[in-house]
Amino acid sequence: MKSPKDLEQILKGCANHRRIETLLLLRTEPELTLEQIAEHLGVNFRTASEHMRRMAVGGLLMKRYEGTSVHHALTRRGKDILAFLKTLA
């Protein structure tokens, strides 16, 4: 079992409606760049960047670097969080 501090980081990674929207978006459209995610969500680049940072710290996202672009996709944990959230609906 993870430590309480580790669990807190995971929960902070999804504890925002924009982060949940991002997880849902990446489930259907993996490999999006930060710019594409910001555009889809209708938020500015810096806001999207901070959300992505928190999700990465929580282990919900993986990043793939391609030249100057960074592509984002869900990790197994990110997919598990979405499955858990579905049980709450």
C-alpha atoms as a PDB file:
ATOM      1  CA  MET A   1       0.000   0.000   0.000  1.00  0.00           C
ATOM      2  CA  LYS A   2       1.189   3.492  -0.796  1.00  0.00           C
ATOM      3  CA  SER A   3       1.904   5.975   1.962  1.00  0.00           C
ATOM      4  CA  PRO A   4      -0.743   8.572   2.861  1.00  0.00           C
ATOM      5  CA  LYS A   5       1.492  11.251   1.262  1.00  0.00           C
ATOM      6  CA  ASP A   6       1.693   9.251  -1.993  1.00  0.00           C
ATOM      7  CA  LEU A   7      -2.071   8.753  -2.015  1.00  0.00           C
ATOM      8  CA  GLU A   8      -2.548  12.490  -1.502  1.00  0.00           C
ATOM      9  CA  GLN A   9      -0.466  13.217  -4.618  1.00  0.00           C
ATOM     10  CA  ILE A  10      -2.541  10.783  -6.657  1.00  0.00           C
ATOM     11  CA  LEU A  11      -5.796  12.340  -5.471  1.00  0.00           C
ATOM     12  CA  LYS A  12      -4.528  15.874  -6.088  1.00  0.00           C
ATOM     13  CA  GLY A  13      -3.766  14.752  -9.618  1.00  0.00           C
ATOM     14  CA  CYS A  14      -7.472  14.343 -10.336  1.00  0.00           C
ATOM     15  CA  ALA A  15      -9.074  16.668  -7.773  1.00  0.00           C
ATOM     16  CA  ASN A  16     -10.222  19.325 -10.226  1.00  0.00           C
ATOM     17  CA  HIS A  17     -12.911  19.343 -12.902  1.00  0.00           C
ATOM     18  CA  ARG A  18     -10.414  20.457 -15.576  1.00  0.00           C
ATOM     19  CA  ARG A  19      -8.099  17.582 -14.694  1.00  0.00           C
ATOM     20  CA  ILE A  20     -10.979  15.136 -14.919  1.00  0.00           C
ATOM     21  CA  GLU A  21     -11.921  16.643 -18.292  1.00  0.00           C
ATOM     22  CA  THR A  22      -8.305  16.197 -19.385  1.00  0.00           C
ATOM     23  CA  LEU A  23      -8.290  12.545 -18.324  1.00  0.00           C
ATOM     24  CA  LEU A  24     -11.511  11.957 -20.258  1.00  0.00           C
ATOM     25  CA  LEU A  25     -10.096  13.760 -23.300  1.00  0.00           C
ATOM     26  CA  LEU A  26      -6.863  11.753 -23.272  1.00  0.00           C
ATOM     27  CA  ARG A  27      -8.831   8.520 -22.953  1.00  0.00           C
ATOM     28  CA  THR A  28     -10.433   9.200 -26.349  1.00  0.00           C
ATOM     29  CA  GLU A  29      -7.594  11.205 -27.926  1.00  0.00           C
ATOM     30  CA  PRO A  30      -4.209  10.058 -26.599  1.00  0.00           C
ATOM     31  CA  GLU A  31      -0.945  11.718 -27.592  1.00  0.00           C
ATOM     32  CA  LEU A  32      -2.247  15.298 -27.531  1.00  0.00           C
ATOM     33  CA  THR A  33       0.165  18.165 -26.981  1.00  0.00           C
ATOM     34  CA  LEU A  34      -0.288  20.736 -24.255  1.00  0.00           C
ATOM     35  CA  GLU A  35      -1.435  23.279 -26.833  1.00  0.00           C
ATOM     36  CA  GLN A  36      -4.071  20.884 -28.153  1.00  0.00           C
ATOM     37  CA  ILE A  37      -5.303  20.076 -24.659  1.00  0.00           C
ATOM     38  CA  ALA A  38      -5.578  23.777 -23.759  1.00  0.00           C
ATOM     39  CA  GLU A  39      -7.532  24.424 -26.956  1.00  0.00           C
ATOM     40  CA  HIS A  40      -9.930  21.501 -26.380  1.00  0.00           C
ATOM     41  CA  LEU A  41     -10.618  22.622 -22.809  1.00  0.00           C
ATOM     42  CA  GLY A  42     -10.823  26.322 -23.601  1.00  0.00           C
ATOM     43  CA  VAL A  43      -8.157  27.292 -21.060  1.00  0.00           C
ATOM     44  CA  ASN A  44      -4.943  29.222 -21.433  1.00  0.00           C
ATOM     45  CA  PHE A  45      -1.601  27.480 -21.876  1.00  0.00           C
ATOM     46  CA  ARG A  46      -0.294  28.238 -18.377  1.00  0.00           C
ATOM     47  CA  THR A  47      -3.434  26.897 -16.699  1.00  0.00           C
ATOM     48  CA  ALA A  48      -3.293  23.711 -18.775  1.00  0.00           C
ATOM     49  CA  SER A  49       0.410  23.365 -18.006  1.00  0.00           C
ATOM     50  CA  GLU A  50      -0.174  23.504 -14.250  1.00  0.00           C
ATOM     51  CA  HIS A  51      -2.951  20.906 -14.485  1.00  0.00           C
ATOM     52  CA  MET A  52      -0.707  18.623 -16.531  1.00  0.00           C
ATOM     53  CA  ARG A  53       2.110  19.042 -14.009  1.00  0.00           C
ATOM     54  CA  ARG A  54      -0.124  18.002 -11.118  1.00  0.00           C
ATOM     55  CA  MET A  55      -1.433  15.004 -13.037  1.00  0.00           C
ATOM     56  CA  ALA A  56       2.116  13.938 -13.912  1.00  0.00           C
ATOM     57  CA  VAL A  57       3.211  14.233 -10.259  1.00  0.00           C
ATOM     58  CA  GLY A  58       0.273  11.991  -9.340  1.00  0.00           C
ATOM     59  CA  GLY A  59       1.376   9.459 -11.947  1.00  0.00           C
ATOM     60  CA  LEU A  60      -1.760   9.846 -14.060  1.00  0.00           C
ATOM     61  CA  LEU A  61       0.002  10.912 -17.254  1.00  0.00           C
ATOM     62  CA  MET A  62       3.030   9.941 -19.248  1.00  0.00           C
ATOM     63  CA  LYS A  63       4.885  12.312 -21.506  1.00  0.00           C
ATOM     64  CA  ARG A  64       6.529  11.458 -24.802  1.00  0.00           C
ATOM     65  CA  TYR A  65       8.980  13.971 -26.189  1.00  0.00           C
ATOM     66  CA  GLU A  66       9.146  14.477 -29.937  1.00  0.00           C
ATOM     67  CA  GLY A  67      11.400  17.341 -30.977  1.00  0.00           C
ATOM     68  CA  THR A  68       9.995  20.449 -29.310  1.00  0.00           C
ATOM     69  CA  SER A  69       6.576  18.849 -28.759  1.00  0.00           C
ATOM     70  CA  VAL A  70       5.475  16.885 -25.714  1.00  0.00           C
ATOM     71  CA  HIS A  71       2.681  14.376 -26.215  1.00  0.00           C
ATOM     72  CA  HIS A  72       0.559  13.223 -23.281  1.00  0.00           C
ATOM     73  CA  ALA A  73      -1.201   9.924 -22.648  1.00  0.00           C
ATOM     74  CA  LEU A  74      -2.830   8.208 -19.696  1.00  0.00           C
ATOM     75  CA  THR A  75      -0.868   5.834 -17.515  1.00  0.00           C
ATOM     76  CA  ARG A  76      -2.400   2.695 -16.060  1.00  0.00           C
ATOM     77  CA  ARG A  77      -3.087   4.706 -12.900  1.00  0.00           C
ATOM     78  CA  GLY A  78      -4.847   7.403 -14.939  1.00  0.00           C
ATOM     79  CA  LYS A  79      -7.081   4.761 -16.493  1.00  0.00           C
ATOM     80  CA  ASP A  80      -7.747   3.266 -13.061  1.00  0.00           C
ATOM     81  CA  ILE A  81      -8.749   6.693 -11.713  1.00  0.00           C
ATOM     82  CA  LEU A  82     -11.242   7.098 -14.569  1.00  0.00           C
ATOM     83  CA  ALA A  83     -12.701   3.654 -13.808  1.00  0.00           C
ATOM     84  CA  PHE A  84     -13.008   4.627 -10.145  1.00  0.00           C
ATOM     85  CA  LEU A  85     -14.680   7.953 -11.012  1.00  0.00           C
ATOM     86  CA  LYS A  86     -17.188   6.091 -13.172  1.00  0.00           C
ATOM     87  CA  THR A  87     -18.314   4.141 -10.088  1.00  0.00           C
ATOM     88  CA  LEU A  88     -19.210   7.424  -8.401  1.00  0.00           C
ATOM     89  CA  ALA A  89     -21.561   8.522 -11.174  1.00  0.00           C
END
